[in-house]
Amino acid sequence: MQIAEAARAAGTTPRALRWYQQHGLLAPRRSPAGYRDYDESAVRRVRHIRELLSLGFTLADVQAFVDVLDREIPADFTQPGSPVCHLALEKARARLAALDERIAAATHIRDRLAERLKD
């Protein structure tokens, strides 16, 4: 399927597909006419990428998963014995710590602003 159809099937935009390809997360085949050609596995991979991004992972984090993006994303990253889970757990803990820091910083700024708005 061509890029517009693949993007629609994955719930994203053609621009996002090109972005993922540019960052090494997606490698579509090319048709004889030079068009990108996506199959169902590429659509599934894009859905996995989008799921990881929606969990707060960065594009750089997702690049660390490139070898396992075609597997299902575990619902629980703490499942023992899975290389997918070990990598996901490591990245998820780091991302959670970074998010906690950002939340604390935003809360501090909010509290300072609220203090100046007291009547």
C-alpha atoms as a PDB file:
ATOM      1  CA  MET A   1       0.000   0.000   0.000  1.00  0.00           C
ATOM      2  CA  GLN A   2       1.182   3.527  -0.660  1.00  0.00           C
ATOM      3  CA  ILE A   3       2.051   6.038   2.035  1.00  0.00           C
ATOM      4  CA  ALA A   4      -1.366   7.722   2.367  1.00  0.00           C
ATOM      5  CA  GLU A   5      -3.169   4.405   2.780  1.00  0.00           C
ATOM      6  CA  ALA A   6      -0.558   3.085   5.230  1.00  0.00           C
ATOM      7  CA  ALA A   7      -0.746   6.275   7.282  1.00  0.00           C
ATOM      8  CA  ARG A   8      -4.528   6.050   7.421  1.00  0.00           C
ATOM      9  CA  ALA A   9      -4.355   2.372   8.459  1.00  0.00           C
ATOM     10  CA  ALA A  10      -1.851   3.191  11.205  1.00  0.00           C
ATOM     11  CA  GLY A  11      -3.781   6.218  12.445  1.00  0.00           C
ATOM     12  CA  THR A  12      -1.149   8.785  11.580  1.00  0.00           C
ATOM     13  CA  THR A  13       0.014  11.004   8.729  1.00  0.00           C
ATOM     14  CA  PRO A  14       2.277  10.432   5.723  1.00  0.00           C
ATOM     15  CA  ARG A  15       4.614  13.022   7.208  1.00  0.00           C
ATOM     16  CA  ALA A  16       4.983  10.914  10.368  1.00  0.00           C
ATOM     17  CA  LEU A  17       5.808   7.833   8.283  1.00  0.00           C
ATOM     18  CA  ARG A  18       8.522   9.751   6.453  1.00  0.00           C
ATOM     19  CA  TRP A  19       9.823  11.018   9.837  1.00  0.00           C
ATOM     20  CA  TYR A  20       9.989   7.465  11.227  1.00  0.00           C
ATOM     21  CA  GLN A  21      11.792   6.334   8.092  1.00  0.00           C
ATOM     22  CA  GLN A  22      14.242   9.231   8.338  1.00  0.00           C
ATOM     23  CA  HIS A  23      15.071   8.141  11.894  1.00  0.00           C
ATOM     24  CA  GLY A  24      15.612   4.494  10.999  1.00  0.00           C
ATOM     25  CA  LEU A  25      12.414   3.138  12.535  1.00  0.00           C
ATOM     26  CA  LEU A  26      10.749   2.179   9.275  1.00  0.00           C
ATOM     27  CA  ALA A  27      12.147   0.860   5.990  1.00  0.00           C
ATOM     28  CA  PRO A  28       9.440   0.528   3.350  1.00  0.00           C
ATOM     29  CA  ARG A  29      10.122  -1.186   0.066  1.00  0.00           C
ATOM     30  CA  ARG A  30      10.063   0.883  -3.101  1.00  0.00           C
ATOM     31  CA  SER A  31       7.810   0.165  -6.052  1.00  0.00           C
ATOM     32  CA  PRO A  32       9.303   0.083  -9.564  1.00  0.00           C
ATOM     33  CA  ALA A  33       8.028   3.661  -9.942  1.00  0.00           C
ATOM     34  CA  GLY A  34       9.892   4.696  -6.781  1.00  0.00           C
ATOM     35  CA  TYR A  35       6.885   5.009  -4.478  1.00  0.00           C
ATOM     36  CA  ARG A  36       7.142   3.831  -0.887  1.00  0.00           C
ATOM     37  CA  ASP A  37       5.353   0.496  -0.510  1.00  0.00           C
ATOM     38  CA  TYR A  38       4.126  -0.521   2.952  1.00  0.00           C
ATOM     39  CA  ASP A  39       2.783  -3.883   4.033  1.00  0.00           C
ATOM     40  CA  GLU A  40       0.724  -4.850   7.093  1.00  0.00           C
ATOM     41  CA  SER A  41       3.857  -5.452   9.180  1.00  0.00           C
ATOM     42  CA  ALA A  42       4.932  -1.833   8.581  1.00  0.00           C
ATOM     43  CA  VAL A  43       1.505  -0.604   9.684  1.00  0.00           C
ATOM     44  CA  ARG A  44       1.751  -2.741  12.825  1.00  0.00           C
ATOM     45  CA  ARG A  45       5.258  -1.359  13.488  1.00  0.00           C
ATOM     46  CA  VAL A  46       3.973   2.210  13.172  1.00  0.00           C
ATOM     47  CA  ARG A  47       1.197   1.434  15.648  1.00  0.00           C
ATOM     48  CA  HIS A  48       3.824   0.122  18.089  1.00  0.00           C
ATOM     49  CA  ILE A  49       5.935   3.250  17.596  1.00  0.00           C
ATOM     50  CA  ARG A  50       2.907   5.440  18.253  1.00  0.00           C
ATOM     51  CA  GLU A  51       1.986   3.431  21.342  1.00  0.00           C
ATOM     52  CA  LEU A  52       5.467   3.864  22.793  1.00  0.00           C
ATOM     53  CA  LEU A  53       5.427   7.583  22.010  1.00  0.00           C
ATOM     54  CA  SER A  54       2.014   7.899  23.680  1.00  0.00           C
ATOM     55  CA  LEU A  55       3.507   6.334  26.830  1.00  0.00           C
ATOM     56  CA  GLY A  56       5.975   9.206  27.036  1.00  0.00           C
ATOM     57  CA  PHE A  57       8.954   7.584  25.358  1.00  0.00           C
ATOM     58  CA  THR A  58      10.983   9.877  23.119  1.00  0.00           C
ATOM     59  CA  LEU A  59      11.933   9.092  19.544  1.00  0.00           C
ATOM     60  CA  ALA A  60      15.459   8.354  20.802  1.00  0.00           C
ATOM     61  CA  ASP A  61      14.001   5.893  23.324  1.00  0.00           C
ATOM     62  CA  VAL A  62      11.979   4.208  20.582  1.00  0.00           C
ATOM     63  CA  GLN A  63      15.108   3.881  18.434  1.00  0.00           C
ATOM     64  CA  ALA A  64      16.510   1.622  21.153  1.00  0.00           C
ATOM     65  CA  PHE A  65      13.558  -0.708  20.478  1.00  0.00           C
ATOM     66  CA  VAL A  66      14.155  -0.919  16.710  1.00  0.00           C
ATOM     67  CA  ASP A  67      15.064  -4.626  16.851  1.00  0.00           C
ATOM     68  CA  VAL A  68      11.860  -5.547  18.688  1.00  0.00           C
ATOM     69  CA  LEU A  69       9.293  -3.139  17.211  1.00  0.00           C
ATOM     70  CA  ASP A  70       7.672  -5.934  15.228  1.00  0.00           C
ATOM     71  CA  ARG A  71       6.776  -7.846  18.392  1.00  0.00           C
ATOM     72  CA  GLU A  72       3.775  -7.047  20.538  1.00  0.00           C
ATOM     73  CA  ILE A  73       4.435  -4.449  23.211  1.00  0.00           C
ATOM     74  CA  PRO A  74       3.980  -6.114  26.578  1.00  0.00           C
ATOM     75  CA  ALA A  75       1.238  -4.737  28.815  1.00  0.00           C
ATOM     76  CA  ASP A  76       3.584  -5.249  31.769  1.00  0.00           C
ATOM     77  CA  PHE A  77       7.245  -4.347  31.315  1.00  0.00           C
ATOM     78  CA  THR A  78       8.170  -6.281  34.466  1.00  0.00           C
ATOM     79  CA  GLN A  79       7.551  -9.749  32.973  1.00  0.00           C
ATOM     80  CA  PRO A  80      10.683 -11.767  33.774  1.00  0.00           C
ATOM     81  CA  GLY A  81      12.866 -13.363  31.138  1.00  0.00           C
ATOM     82  CA  SER A  82      11.885 -11.341  28.107  1.00  0.00           C
ATOM     83  CA  PRO A  83      14.562  -9.257  26.355  1.00  0.00           C
ATOM     84  CA  VAL A  84      11.782  -6.960  25.160  1.00  0.00           C
ATOM     85  CA  CYS A  85      10.622  -6.475  28.724  1.00  0.00           C
ATOM     86  CA  HIS A  86      14.144  -5.936  30.081  1.00  0.00           C
ATOM     87  CA  LEU A  87      14.861  -3.186  27.563  1.00  0.00           C
ATOM     88  CA  ALA A  88      11.397  -1.683  27.980  1.00  0.00           C
ATOM     89  CA  LEU A  89      11.683  -1.747  31.762  1.00  0.00           C
ATOM     90  CA  GLU A  90      15.045   0.003  31.679  1.00  0.00           C
ATOM     91  CA  LYS A  91      13.813   2.693  29.282  1.00  0.00           C
ATOM     92  CA  ALA A  92      10.467   3.055  31.061  1.00  0.00           C
ATOM     93  CA  ARG A  93      12.118   3.624  34.446  1.00  0.00           C
ATOM     94  CA  ALA A  94      14.396   6.281  32.962  1.00  0.00           C
ATOM     95  CA  ARG A  95      11.489   7.965  31.149  1.00  0.00           C
ATOM     96  CA  LEU A  96       9.327   7.873  34.298  1.00  0.00           C
ATOM     97  CA  ALA A  97      12.106   9.552  36.299  1.00  0.00           C
ATOM     98  CA  ALA A  98      12.439  12.257  33.631  1.00  0.00           C
ATOM     99  CA  LEU A  99       8.668  12.830  33.617  1.00  0.00           C
ATOM    100  CA  ASP A 100       8.640  13.062  37.429  1.00  0.00           C
ATOM    101  CA  GLU A 101      11.351  15.736  37.240  1.00  0.00           C
ATOM    102  CA  ARG A 102       9.373  17.720  34.659  1.00  0.00           C
ATOM    103  CA  ILE A 103       6.199  17.462  36.726  1.00  0.00           C
ATOM    104  CA  ALA A 104       8.024  18.659  39.847  1.00  0.00           C
ATOM    105  CA  ALA A 105       9.517  21.606  37.949  1.00  0.00           C
ATOM    106  CA  ALA A 106       6.135  22.560  36.456  1.00  0.00           C
ATOM    107  CA  THR A 107       4.465  22.256  39.874  1.00  0.00           C
ATOM    108  CA  HIS A 108       7.102  24.546  41.389  1.00  0.00           C
ATOM    109  CA  ILE A 109       6.528  27.173  38.681  1.00  0.00           C
ATOM    110  CA  ARG A 110       2.760  26.855  39.086  1.00  0.00           C
ATOM    111  CA  ASP A 111       3.011  27.298  42.861  1.00  0.00           C
ATOM    112  CA  ARG A 112       5.194  30.402  42.470  1.00  0.00           C
ATOM    113  CA  LEU A 113       2.721  31.931  40.011  1.00  0.00           C
ATOM    114  CA  ALA A 114      -0.263  31.051  42.212  1.00  0.00           C
ATOM    115  CA  GLU A 115       1.464  32.728  45.142  1.00  0.00           C
ATOM    116  CA  ARG A 116       1.609  36.004  43.181  1.00  0.00           C
ATOM    117  CA  LEU A 117      -2.088  35.793  42.378  1.00  0.00           C
ATOM    118  CA  LYS A 118      -3.260  35.682  45.988  1.00  0.00           C
ATOM    119  CA  ASP A 119      -5.798  38.357  46.845  1.00  0.00           C
END
